[in-house]
Structures are given as C-alpha cells and as structure tokens.
C-alpha cells in the first residue's frame, strides 16, 4: 500500500502544481485552479495512508518518489526524454527513500 500511496500522491501533486503552472505560465483559464486545488488535496490525503509512525519520515521518503515521478511527467506530459543524469539522480533518490522508509530502526 505504501508504494501505491506514494505514486498516487506524486501524480496528484504534480498534476495539481501543473494546473497552477498552466494558469500562470501558459495563460490557461483560472478554472484550471479548481482541479488543481482538488488534486493537491488528494495528494495530502494520500500521504496520510503511508504506514509510518512519523510524518517527517513519510515526507522525506516521499521526496525520492516525487523526483522520479516528476521525470516521468517530464517525459510523458512535456515530451522531453530524461537523460542519463536524470535517471541516475532519480535512482539515487529512490535508493535514499527506501533507506529512510524501510531501514532498520532501533527502538
């Protein structure tokens, strides 16, 4: 469930932020803000579904998933293929996220 919640949260956050980007930078209608705000609310809700004791650790691990998802958005929505440095950076971030979320903890 954690991976699904993180991926859903990343897509919701990126879509919500893109709606604001489209309004301010691409001269789209202010009506783009309505689904954008709803998407950002969904993002926040989905992060609460992650099975972790501390919110800060949940958000820190989410950062790696967000970075990788943003590169997927770059490719699929904006038509720019990530280069090898993007992919290496995303892999490092996902590795760090896994360590933060699933690393052994002392009680």
PDB file of N, CA and C in Angstrom:
ATOM      1  N   UNK A   1       0.819  -1.201   0.000  1.00  0.00           N
ATOM      2  CA  UNK A   1       0.000   0.000   0.000  1.00  0.00           C
ATOM      3  C   UNK A   1       0.863   1.264   0.000  1.00  0.00           C
ATOM      4  N   UNK A   2       2.022   1.215   0.635  1.00  0.00           N
ATOM      5  CA  UNK A   2       2.887   2.384   0.722  1.00  0.00           C
ATOM      6  C   UNK A   2       3.319   2.867  -0.658  1.00  0.00           C
ATOM      7  N   UNK A   3       3.771   1.954  -1.495  1.00  0.00           N
ATOM      8  CA  UNK A   3       4.236   2.331  -2.827  1.00  0.00           C
ATOM      9  C   UNK A   3       3.086   2.928  -3.640  1.00  0.00           C
ATOM     10  N   UNK A   4       1.909   2.333  -3.559  1.00  0.00           N
ATOM     11  CA  UNK A   4       0.736   2.842  -4.290  1.00  0.00           C
ATOM     12  C   UNK A   4       0.364   4.236  -3.788  1.00  0.00           C
ATOM     13  N   UNK A   5       0.384   4.434  -2.480  1.00  0.00           N
ATOM     14  CA  UNK A   5       0.060   5.748  -1.913  1.00  0.00           C
ATOM     15  C   UNK A   5       1.079   6.795  -2.361  1.00  0.00           C
ATOM     16  N   UNK A   6       2.354   6.433  -2.361  1.00  0.00           N
ATOM     17  CA  UNK A   6       3.392   7.376  -2.792  1.00  0.00           C
ATOM     18  C   UNK A   6       3.255   7.731  -4.269  1.00  0.00           C
ATOM     19  N   UNK A   7       3.028   6.756  -5.108  1.00  0.00           N
ATOM     20  CA  UNK A   7       2.885   7.029  -6.543  1.00  0.00           C
ATOM     21  C   UNK A   7       1.634   7.866  -6.802  1.00  0.00           C
ATOM     22  N   UNK A   8       0.525   7.511  -6.153  1.00  0.00           N
ATOM     23  CA  UNK A   8      -0.697   8.308  -6.299  1.00  0.00           C
ATOM     24  C   UNK A   8      -0.508   9.732  -5.811  1.00  0.00           C
ATOM     25  N   UNK A   9       0.169   9.878  -4.675  1.00  0.00           N
ATOM     26  CA  UNK A   9       0.433  11.219  -4.133  1.00  0.00           C
ATOM     27  C   UNK A   9       1.301  12.023  -5.093  1.00  0.00           C
ATOM     28  N   UNK A  10       2.308  11.399  -5.661  1.00  0.00           N
ATOM     29  CA  UNK A  10       3.191  12.109  -6.590  1.00  0.00           C
ATOM     30  C   UNK A  10       2.428  12.571  -7.826  1.00  0.00           C
ATOM     31  N   UNK A  11       1.615  11.708  -8.388  1.00  0.00           N
ATOM     32  CA  UNK A  11       0.837  12.098  -9.562  1.00  0.00           C
ATOM     33  C   UNK A  11      -0.142  13.218  -9.233  1.00  0.00           C
ATOM     34  N   UNK A  12      -0.780  13.119  -8.067  1.00  0.00           N
ATOM     35  CA  UNK A  12      -1.724  14.163  -7.664  1.00  0.00           C
ATOM     36  C   UNK A  12      -1.010  15.487  -7.427  1.00  0.00           C
ATOM     37  N   UNK A  13       0.150  15.452  -6.785  1.00  0.00           N
ATOM     38  CA  UNK A  13       0.886  16.693  -6.528  1.00  0.00           C
ATOM     39  C   UNK A  13       1.372  17.328  -7.832  1.00  0.00           C
ATOM     40  N   UNK A  14       1.939  16.519  -8.701  1.00  0.00           N
ATOM     41  CA  UNK A  14       2.438  17.052  -9.962  1.00  0.00           C
ATOM     42  C   UNK A  14       1.293  17.619 -10.795  1.00  0.00           C
ATOM     43  N   UNK A  15       0.181  16.911 -10.869  1.00  0.00           N
ATOM     44  CA  UNK A  15      -0.966  17.403 -11.639  1.00  0.00           C
ATOM     45  C   UNK A  15      -1.500  18.704 -11.043  1.00  0.00           C
ATOM     46  N   UNK A  16      -1.587  18.766  -9.721  1.00  0.00           N
ATOM     47  CA  UNK A  16      -2.072  19.981  -9.069  1.00  0.00           C
ATOM     48  C   UNK A  16      -1.148  21.155  -9.294  1.00  0.00           C
ATOM     49  N   UNK A  17       0.135  20.925  -9.154  1.00  0.00           N
ATOM     50  CA  UNK A  17       1.107  22.004  -9.385  1.00  0.00           C
ATOM     51  C   UNK A  17       1.125  22.403 -10.855  1.00  0.00           C
ATOM     52  N   UNK A  18       0.970  21.437 -11.750  1.00  0.00           N
ATOM     53  CA  UNK A  18       0.959  21.771 -13.171  1.00  0.00           C
ATOM     54  C   UNK A  18      -0.247  22.637 -13.527  1.00  0.00           C
ATOM     55  N   UNK A  19      -1.374  22.406 -12.855  1.00  0.00           N
ATOM     56  CA  UNK A  19      -2.553  23.238 -13.112  1.00  0.00           C
ATOM     57  C   UNK A  19      -2.249  24.698 -12.790  1.00  0.00           C
ATOM     58  N   UNK A  20      -1.555  24.944 -11.698  1.00  0.00           N
ATOM     59  CA  UNK A  20      -1.161  26.311 -11.353  1.00  0.00           C
ATOM     60  C   UNK A  20      -0.136  26.847 -12.362  1.00  0.00           C
ATOM     61  N   UNK A  21       0.806  26.006 -12.757  1.00  0.00           N
ATOM     62  CA  UNK A  21       1.798  26.384 -13.758  1.00  0.00           C
ATOM     63  C   UNK A  21       1.093  26.790 -15.061  1.00  0.00           C
ATOM     64  N   UNK A  22       0.127  25.961 -15.475  1.00  0.00           N
ATOM     65  CA  UNK A  22      -0.595  26.232 -16.723  1.00  0.00           C
ATOM     66  C   UNK A  22      -1.333  27.564 -16.651  1.00  0.00           C
ATOM     67  N   UNK A  23      -1.929  27.844 -15.505  1.00  0.00           N
ATOM     68  CA  UNK A  23      -2.659  29.110 -15.339  1.00  0.00           C
ATOM     69  C   UNK A  23      -1.709  30.307 -15.397  1.00  0.00           C
ATOM     70  N   UNK A  24      -0.607  30.224 -14.646  1.00  0.00           N
ATOM     71  CA  UNK A  24       0.298  31.368 -14.541  1.00  0.00           C
ATOM     72  C   UNK A  24       1.301  31.494 -15.686  1.00  0.00           C
ATOM     73  N   UNK A  25       1.761  30.368 -16.205  1.00  0.00           N
ATOM     74  CA  UNK A  25       2.842  30.424 -17.200  1.00  0.00           C
ATOM     75  C   UNK A  25       2.388  30.129 -18.615  1.00  0.00           C
ATOM     76  N   UNK A  26       1.263  29.423 -18.754  1.00  0.00           N
ATOM     77  CA  UNK A  26       0.787  29.047 -20.085  1.00  0.00           C
ATOM     78  C   UNK A  26      -0.498  29.773 -20.471  1.00  0.00           C
ATOM     79  N   UNK A  27      -0.877  30.758 -19.651  1.00  0.00           N
ATOM     80  CA  UNK A  27      -2.074  31.580 -19.910  1.00  0.00           C
ATOM     81  C   UNK A  27      -3.360  30.767 -20.062  1.00  0.00           C
ATOM     82  N   UNK A  28      -3.494  29.722 -19.259  1.00  0.00           N
ATOM     83  CA  UNK A  28      -4.734  28.936 -19.254  1.00  0.00           C
ATOM     84  C   UNK A  28      -5.761  29.640 -18.377  1.00  0.00           C
ATOM     85  N   UNK A  29      -6.988  29.211 -18.493  1.00  0.00           N
ATOM     86  CA  UNK A  29      -8.094  29.787 -17.734  1.00  0.00           C
ATOM     87  C   UNK A  29      -7.885  29.595 -16.230  1.00  0.00           C
ATOM     88  N   UNK A  30      -8.365  30.558 -15.424  1.00  0.00           N
ATOM     89  CA  UNK A  30      -8.315  30.366 -13.965  1.00  0.00           C
ATOM     90  C   UNK A  30      -9.097  29.136 -13.503  1.00  0.00           C
ATOM     91  N   UNK A  31      -9.960  28.617 -14.336  1.00  0.00           N
ATOM     92  CA  UNK A  31     -10.702  27.404 -13.979  1.00  0.00           C
ATOM     93  C   UNK A  31      -9.777  26.206 -13.803  1.00  0.00           C
ATOM     94  N   UNK A  32      -8.575  26.284 -14.331  1.00  0.00           N
ATOM     95  CA  UNK A  32      -7.589  25.215 -14.115  1.00  0.00           C
ATOM     96  C   UNK A  32      -7.248  25.084 -12.631  1.00  0.00           C
ATOM     97  N   UNK A  33      -7.486  26.147 -11.852  1.00  0.00           N
ATOM     98  CA  UNK A  33      -7.162  26.119 -10.427  1.00  0.00           C
ATOM     99  C   UNK A  33      -8.077  25.191  -9.635  1.00  0.00           C
ATOM    100  N   UNK A  34      -9.296  24.993 -10.114  1.00  0.00           N
ATOM    101  CA  UNK A  34     -10.239  24.133  -9.379  1.00  0.00           C
ATOM    102  C   UNK A  34      -9.749  22.684  -9.340  1.00  0.00           C
ATOM    103  N   UNK A  35      -9.520  22.040 -10.477  1.00  0.00           N
ATOM    104  CA  UNK A  35      -8.996  20.668 -10.382  1.00  0.00           C
ATOM    105  C   UNK A  35      -7.591  20.632  -9.775  1.00  0.00           C
ATOM    106  N   UNK A  36      -6.834  21.727  -9.966  1.00  0.00           N
ATOM    107  CA  UNK A  36      -5.506  21.780  -9.362  1.00  0.00           C
ATOM    108  C   UNK A  36      -5.570  21.731  -7.848  1.00  0.00           C
ATOM    109  N   UNK A  37      -6.462  22.513  -7.265  1.00  0.00           N
ATOM    110  CA  UNK A  37      -6.611  22.520  -5.799  1.00  0.00           C
ATOM    111  C   UNK A  37      -7.136  21.181  -5.293  1.00  0.00           C
ATOM    112  N   UNK A  38      -8.074  20.597  -6.012  1.00  0.00           N
ATOM    113  CA  UNK A  38      -8.601  19.278  -5.615  1.00  0.00           C
ATOM    114  C   UNK A  38      -7.506  18.215  -5.688  1.00  0.00           C
ATOM    115  N   UNK A  39      -6.688  18.313  -6.709  1.00  0.00           N
ATOM    116  CA  UNK A  39      -5.591  17.369  -6.854  1.00  0.00           C
ATOM    117  C   UNK A  39      -4.590  17.500  -5.715  1.00  0.00           C
ATOM    118  N   UNK A  40      -4.308  18.728  -5.290  1.00  0.00           N
ATOM    119  CA  UNK A  40      -3.381  18.930  -4.172  1.00  0.00           C
ATOM    120  C   UNK A  40      -3.974  18.423  -2.858  1.00  0.00           C
ATOM    121  N   UNK A  41      -5.286  18.531  -2.697  1.00  0.00           N
ATOM    122  CA  UNK A  41      -5.939  17.952  -1.509  1.00  0.00           C
ATOM    123  C   UNK A  41      -5.818  16.429  -1.529  1.00  0.00           C
ATOM    124  N   UNK A  42      -6.005  15.830  -2.703  1.00  0.00           N
ATOM    125  CA  UNK A  42      -5.850  14.382  -2.832  1.00  0.00           C
ATOM    126  C   UNK A  42      -4.418  13.964  -2.503  1.00  0.00           C
ATOM    127  N   UNK A  43      -3.452  14.728  -2.960  1.00  0.00           N
ATOM    128  CA  UNK A  43      -2.045  14.472  -2.644  1.00  0.00           C
ATOM    129  C   UNK A  43      -1.833  14.399  -1.132  1.00  0.00           C
ATOM    130  N   UNK A  44      -2.326  15.400  -0.416  1.00  0.00           N
ATOM    131  CA  UNK A  44      -2.141  15.438   1.037  1.00  0.00           C
ATOM    132  C   UNK A  44      -2.816  14.246   1.714  1.00  0.00           C
ATOM    133  N   UNK A  45      -4.015  13.900   1.258  1.00  0.00           N
ATOM    134  CA  UNK A  45      -4.731  12.757   1.830  1.00  0.00           C
ATOM    135  C   UNK A  45      -3.956  11.458   1.601  1.00  0.00           C
ATOM    136  N   UNK A  46      -3.471  11.261   0.388  1.00  0.00           N
ATOM    137  CA  UNK A  46      -2.779  10.011   0.074  1.00  0.00           C
ATOM    138  C   UNK A  46      -1.530   9.813   0.933  1.00  0.00           C
ATOM    139  N   UNK A  47      -0.846  10.893   1.267  1.00  0.00           N
ATOM    140  CA  UNK A  47       0.330  10.737   2.131  1.00  0.00           C
ATOM    141  C   UNK A  47      -0.047  10.243   3.528  1.00  0.00           C
ATOM    142  N   UNK A  48      -1.275  10.508   3.967  1.00  0.00           N
ATOM    143  CA  UNK A  48      -1.689  10.016   5.284  1.00  0.00           C
ATOM    144  C   UNK A  48      -1.905   8.508   5.291  1.00  0.00           C
ATOM    145  N   UNK A  49      -1.979   7.890   4.123  1.00  0.00           N
ATOM    146  CA  UNK A  49      -2.197   6.444   4.045  1.00  0.00           C
ATOM    147  C   UNK A  49      -0.905   5.639   4.182  1.00  0.00           C
ATOM    148  N   UNK A  50       0.231   6.306   4.155  1.00  0.00           N
ATOM    149  CA  UNK A  50       1.513   5.610   4.281  1.00  0.00           C
ATOM    150  C   UNK A  50       1.674   5.115   5.708  1.00  0.00           C
ATOM    151  N   UNK A  51       2.058   3.854   5.832  1.00  0.00           N
ATOM    152  CA  UNK A  51       2.211   3.233   7.141  1.00  0.00           C
ATOM    153  C   UNK A  51       3.572   3.596   7.736  1.00  0.00           C
ATOM    154  N   UNK A  52       3.610   4.724   8.425  1.00  0.00           N
ATOM    155  CA  UNK A  52       4.837   5.175   9.091  1.00  0.00           C
ATOM    156  C   UNK A  52       4.425   5.899  10.365  1.00  0.00           C
ATOM    157  N   UNK A  53       5.284   5.859  11.351  1.00  0.00           N
ATOM    158  CA  UNK A  53       4.976   6.473  12.640  1.00  0.00           C
ATOM    159  C   UNK A  53       5.137   7.991  12.635  1.00  0.00           C
ATOM    160  N   UNK A  54       6.092   8.494  11.865  1.00  0.00           N
ATOM    161  CA  UNK A  54       6.378   9.930  11.884  1.00  0.00           C
ATOM    162  C   UNK A  54       6.075  10.545  10.514  1.00  0.00           C
ATOM    163  N   UNK A  55       5.428  11.700  10.550  1.00  0.00           N
ATOM    164  CA  UNK A  55       5.105  12.396   9.309  1.00  0.00           C
ATOM    165  C   UNK A  55       6.372  12.827   8.576  1.00  0.00           C
ATOM    166  N   UNK A  56       7.366  13.328   9.304  1.00  0.00           N
ATOM    167  CA  UNK A  56       8.588  13.797   8.675  1.00  0.00           C
ATOM    168  C   UNK A  56       9.303  12.715   7.889  1.00  0.00           C
ATOM    169  N   UNK A  57       9.342  11.513   8.434  1.00  0.00           N
ATOM    170  CA  UNK A  57       9.980  10.399   7.725  1.00  0.00           C
ATOM    171  C   UNK A  57       9.171  10.030   6.485  1.00  0.00           C
ATOM    172  N   UNK A  58       7.865  10.088   6.608  1.00  0.00           N
ATOM    173  CA  UNK A  58       6.996   9.813   5.458  1.00  0.00           C
ATOM    174  C   UNK A  58       7.271  10.814   4.348  1.00  0.00           C
ATOM    175  N   UNK A  59       7.354  12.098   4.695  1.00  0.00           N
ATOM    176  CA  UNK A  59       7.581  13.142   3.693  1.00  0.00           C
ATOM    177  C   UNK A  59       8.979  13.033   3.092  1.00  0.00           C
ATOM    178  N   UNK A  60       9.972  12.707   3.914  1.00  0.00           N
ATOM    179  CA  UNK A  60      11.346  12.591   3.418  1.00  0.00           C
ATOM    180  C   UNK A  60      11.455  11.465   2.393  1.00  0.00           C
ATOM    181  N   UNK A  61      10.871  10.317   2.712  1.00  0.00           N
ATOM    182  CA  UNK A  61      10.919   9.191   1.777  1.00  0.00           C
ATOM    183  C   UNK A  61      10.115   9.504   0.517  1.00  0.00           C
ATOM    184  N   UNK A  62       9.022  10.230   0.663  1.00  0.00           N
ATOM    185  CA  UNK A  62       8.203  10.611  -0.482  1.00  0.00           C
ATOM    186  C   UNK A  62       8.995  11.451  -1.484  1.00  0.00           C
ATOM    187  N   UNK A  63       9.942  12.223  -1.004  1.00  0.00           N
ATOM    188  CA  UNK A  63      10.727  13.090  -1.880  1.00  0.00           C
ATOM    189  C   UNK A  63      11.385  12.325  -3.027  1.00  0.00           C
ATOM    190  N   UNK A  64      11.907  11.157  -2.755  1.00  0.00           N
ATOM    191  CA  UNK A  64      12.535  10.354  -3.805  1.00  0.00           C
ATOM    192  C   UNK A  64      11.537   9.904  -4.852  1.00  0.00           C
ATOM    193  N   UNK A  65      10.353   9.506  -4.397  1.00  0.00           N
ATOM    194  CA  UNK A  65       9.304   9.078  -5.324  1.00  0.00           C
ATOM    195  C   UNK A  65       8.841  10.268  -6.161  1.00  0.00           C
ATOM    196  N   UNK A  66       8.730  11.437  -5.532  1.00  0.00           N
ATOM    197  CA  UNK A  66       8.308  12.638  -6.246  1.00  0.00           C
ATOM    198  C   UNK A  66       9.298  12.977  -7.366  1.00  0.00           C
ATOM    199  N   UNK A  67      10.573  12.907  -7.068  1.00  0.00           N
ATOM    200  CA  UNK A  67      11.585  13.238  -8.073  1.00  0.00           C
ATOM    201  C   UNK A  67      11.492  12.295  -9.269  1.00  0.00           C
ATOM    202  N   UNK A  68      11.392  11.008  -9.023  1.00  0.00           N
ATOM    203  CA  UNK A  68      11.270  10.045 -10.124  1.00  0.00           C
ATOM    204  C   UNK A  68       9.978  10.281 -10.911  1.00  0.00           C
ATOM    205  N   UNK A  69       8.879  10.564 -10.208  1.00  0.00           N
ATOM    206  CA  UNK A  69       7.602  10.812 -10.876  1.00  0.00           C
ATOM    207  C   UNK A  69       7.637  12.087 -11.710  1.00  0.00           C
ATOM    208  N   UNK A  70       8.345  13.100 -11.231  1.00  0.00           N
ATOM    209  CA  UNK A  70       8.467  14.344 -11.992  1.00  0.00           C
ATOM    210  C   UNK A  70       9.203  14.102 -13.308  1.00  0.00           C
ATOM    211  N   UNK A  71      10.156  13.210 -13.308  1.00  0.00           N
ATOM    212  CA  UNK A  71      10.857  12.891 -14.550  1.00  0.00           C
ATOM    213  C   UNK A  71       9.970  12.107 -15.509  1.00  0.00           C
ATOM    214  N   UNK A  72       9.117  11.254 -14.975  1.00  0.00           N
ATOM    215  CA  UNK A  72       8.127  10.570 -15.824  1.00  0.00           C
ATOM    216  C   UNK A  72       7.177  11.597 -16.429  1.00  0.00           C
ATOM    217  N   UNK A  73       6.737  12.576 -15.625  1.00  0.00           N
ATOM    218  CA  UNK A  73       5.875  13.659 -16.117  1.00  0.00           C
ATOM    219  C   UNK A  73       6.592  14.444 -17.222  1.00  0.00           C
ATOM    220  N   UNK A  74       7.858  14.756 -16.989  1.00  0.00           N
ATOM    221  CA  UNK A  74       8.659  15.477 -17.973  1.00  0.00           C
ATOM    222  C   UNK A  74       8.607  14.766 -19.324  1.00  0.00           C
ATOM    223  N   UNK A  75       8.728  13.443 -19.276  1.00  0.00           N
ATOM    224  CA  UNK A  75       8.772  12.649 -20.492  1.00  0.00           C
ATOM    225  C   UNK A  75       7.391  12.522 -21.130  1.00  0.00           C
ATOM    226  N   UNK A  76       6.384  12.102 -20.347  1.00  0.00           N
ATOM    227  CA  UNK A  76       5.069  11.803 -20.909  1.00  0.00           C
ATOM    228  C   UNK A  76       4.222  13.041 -21.178  1.00  0.00           C
ATOM    229  N   UNK A  77       4.246  14.003 -20.294  1.00  0.00           N
ATOM    230  CA  UNK A  77       3.377  15.172 -20.446  1.00  0.00           C
ATOM    231  C   UNK A  77       4.044  16.314 -21.206  1.00  0.00           C
ATOM    232  N   UNK A  78       5.369  16.439 -21.064  1.00  0.00           N
ATOM    233  CA  UNK A  78       6.050  17.557 -21.695  1.00  0.00           C
ATOM    234  C   UNK A  78       6.885  17.154 -22.900  1.00  0.00           C
ATOM    235  N   UNK A  79       6.981  15.848 -23.144  1.00  0.00           N
ATOM    236  CA  UNK A  79       7.667  15.373 -24.339  1.00  0.00           C
ATOM    237  C   UNK A  79       9.176  15.511 -24.323  1.00  0.00           C
ATOM    238  N   UNK A  80       9.768  15.636 -23.130  1.00  0.00           N
ATOM    239  CA  UNK A  80      11.224  15.745 -23.011  1.00  0.00           C
ATOM    240  C   UNK A  80      11.733  14.461 -22.358  1.00  0.00           C
ATOM    241  N   UNK A  81      12.540  13.735 -23.094  1.00  0.00           N
ATOM    242  CA  UNK A  81      13.064  12.470 -22.576  1.00  0.00           C
ATOM    243  C   UNK A  81      14.167  12.734 -21.551  1.00  0.00           C
ATOM    244  N   UNK A  82      14.029  12.157 -20.350  1.00  0.00           N
ATOM    245  CA  UNK A  82      15.086  12.325 -19.344  1.00  0.00           C
ATOM    246  C   UNK A  82      16.416  11.761 -19.861  1.00  0.00           C
ATOM    247  N   UNK A  83      17.515  12.435 -19.523  1.00  0.00           N
ATOM    248  CA  UNK A  83      18.817  11.933 -19.942  1.00  0.00           C
ATOM    249  C   UNK A  83      19.392  11.012 -18.864  1.00  0.00           C
ATOM    250  N   UNK A  84      20.582  10.519 -19.116  1.00  0.00           N
ATOM    251  CA  UNK A  84      21.165   9.548 -18.176  1.00  0.00           C
ATOM    252  C   UNK A  84      21.388  10.147 -16.801  1.00  0.00           C
ATOM    253  N   UNK A  85      21.693  11.445 -16.737  1.00  0.00           N
ATOM    254  CA  UNK A  85      21.926  12.083 -15.439  1.00  0.00           C
ATOM    255  C   UNK A  85      20.622  12.215 -14.664  1.00  0.00           C
ATOM    256  N   UNK A  86      19.532  12.465 -15.372  1.00  0.00           N
ATOM    257  CA  UNK A  86      18.222  12.463 -14.716  1.00  0.00           C
ATOM    258  C   UNK A  86      17.932  11.091 -14.120  1.00  0.00           C
ATOM    259  N   UNK A  87      18.190  10.047 -14.904  1.00  0.00           N
ATOM    260  CA  UNK A  87      17.891   8.680 -14.456  1.00  0.00           C
ATOM    261  C   UNK A  87      18.795   8.255 -13.302  1.00  0.00           C
ATOM    262  N   UNK A  88      20.063   8.612 -13.375  1.00  0.00           N
ATOM    263  CA  UNK A  88      20.979   8.290 -12.276  1.00  0.00           C
ATOM    264  C   UNK A  88      20.554   9.027 -11.008  1.00  0.00           C
ATOM    265  N   UNK A  89      20.225  10.294 -11.141  1.00  0.00           N
ATOM    266  CA  UNK A  89      19.777  11.070  -9.985  1.00  0.00           C
ATOM    267  C   UNK A  89      18.514  10.495  -9.368  1.00  0.00           C
ATOM    268  N   UNK A  90      17.565  10.105 -10.218  1.00  0.00           N
ATOM    269  CA  UNK A  90      16.313   9.516  -9.713  1.00  0.00           C
ATOM    270  C   UNK A  90      16.592   8.200  -8.985  1.00  0.00           C
ATOM    271  N   UNK A  91      17.493   7.386  -9.533  1.00  0.00           N
ATOM    272  CA  UNK A  91      17.831   6.115  -8.882  1.00  0.00           C
ATOM    273  C   UNK A  91      18.450   6.352  -7.505  1.00  0.00           C
ATOM    274  N   UNK A  92      19.335   7.333  -7.411  1.00  0.00           N
ATOM    275  CA  UNK A  92      19.940   7.666  -6.116  1.00  0.00           C
ATOM    276  C   UNK A  92      18.856   8.111  -5.136  1.00  0.00           C
ATOM    277  N   UNK A  93      17.936   8.949  -5.604  1.00  0.00           N
ATOM    278  CA  UNK A  93      16.859   9.440  -4.733  1.00  0.00           C
ATOM    279  C   UNK A  93      15.944   8.314  -4.271  1.00  0.00           C
ATOM    280  N   UNK A  94      15.597   7.407  -5.182  1.00  0.00           N
ATOM    281  CA  UNK A  94      14.744   6.275  -4.800  1.00  0.00           C
ATOM    282  C   UNK A  94      15.462   5.356  -3.810  1.00  0.00           C
ATOM    283  N   UNK A  95      16.757   5.182  -4.004  1.00  0.00           N
ATOM    284  CA  UNK A  95      17.531   4.392  -3.039  1.00  0.00           C
ATOM    285  C   UNK A  95      17.524   5.040  -1.664  1.00  0.00           C
ATOM    286  N   UNK A  96      17.708   6.351  -1.634  1.00  0.00           N
ATOM    287  CA  UNK A  96      17.648   7.071  -0.360  1.00  0.00           C
ATOM    288  C   UNK A  96      16.282   6.986   0.285  1.00  0.00           C
ATOM    289  N   UNK A  97      15.232   7.084  -0.527  1.00  0.00           N
ATOM    290  CA  UNK A  97      13.865   6.979   0.001  1.00  0.00           C
ATOM    291  C   UNK A  97      13.635   5.606   0.634  1.00  0.00           C
ATOM    292  N   UNK A  98      14.116   4.551  -0.039  1.00  0.00           N
ATOM    293  CA  UNK A  98      13.954   3.194   0.500  1.00  0.00           C
ATOM    294  C   UNK A  98      14.695   3.045   1.828  1.00  0.00           C
ATOM    295  N   UNK A  99      15.890   3.599   1.914  1.00  0.00           N
ATOM    296  CA  UNK A  99      16.652   3.535   3.171  1.00  0.00           C
ATOM    297  C   UNK A  99      15.905   4.257   4.286  1.00  0.00           C
ATOM    298  N   UNK A 100      15.396   5.459   3.984  1.00  0.00           N
ATOM    299  CA  UNK A 100      14.671   6.220   5.000  1.00  0.00           C
ATOM    300  C   UNK A 100      13.424   5.479   5.472  1.00  0.00           C
ATOM    301  N   UNK A 101      12.681   4.918   4.530  1.00  0.00           N
ATOM    302  CA  UNK A 101      11.391   4.316   4.884  1.00  0.00           C
ATOM    303  C   UNK A 101      11.548   2.932   5.501  1.00  0.00           C
ATOM    304  N   UNK A 102      12.424   2.105   4.954  1.00  0.00           N
ATOM    305  CA  UNK A 102      12.482   0.710   5.370  1.00  0.00           C
ATOM    306  C   UNK A 102      13.756   0.308   6.089  1.00  0.00           C
ATOM    307  N   UNK A 103      14.648   1.252   6.355  1.00  0.00           N
ATOM    308  CA  UNK A 103      15.876   0.921   7.077  1.00  0.00           C
ATOM    309  C   UNK A 103      15.553   0.452   8.491  1.00  0.00           C
ATOM    310  N   UNK A 104      16.381  -0.468   9.001  1.00  0.00           N
ATOM    311  CA  UNK A 104      16.131  -0.971  10.358  1.00  0.00           C
ATOM    312  C   UNK A 104      16.302   0.143  11.387  1.00  0.00           C
ATOM    313  N   UNK A 105      15.407   0.180  12.317  1.00  0.00           N
ATOM    314  CA  UNK A 105      15.419   1.220  13.368  1.00  0.00           C
ATOM    315  C   UNK A 105      15.597   0.543  14.722  1.00  0.00           C
ATOM    316  N   UNK A 106      16.354   1.209  15.565  1.00  0.00           N
ATOM    317  CA  UNK A 106      16.467   0.712  16.945  1.00  0.00           C
ATOM    318  C   UNK A 106      15.320   1.325  17.753  1.00  0.00           C
ATOM    319  N   UNK A 107      14.814   0.567  18.665  1.00  0.00           N
ATOM    320  CA  UNK A 107      13.658   1.020  19.459  1.00  0.00           C
ATOM    321  C   UNK A 107      14.041   2.009  20.452  1.00  0.00           C
TER     322      UNK A 107
END
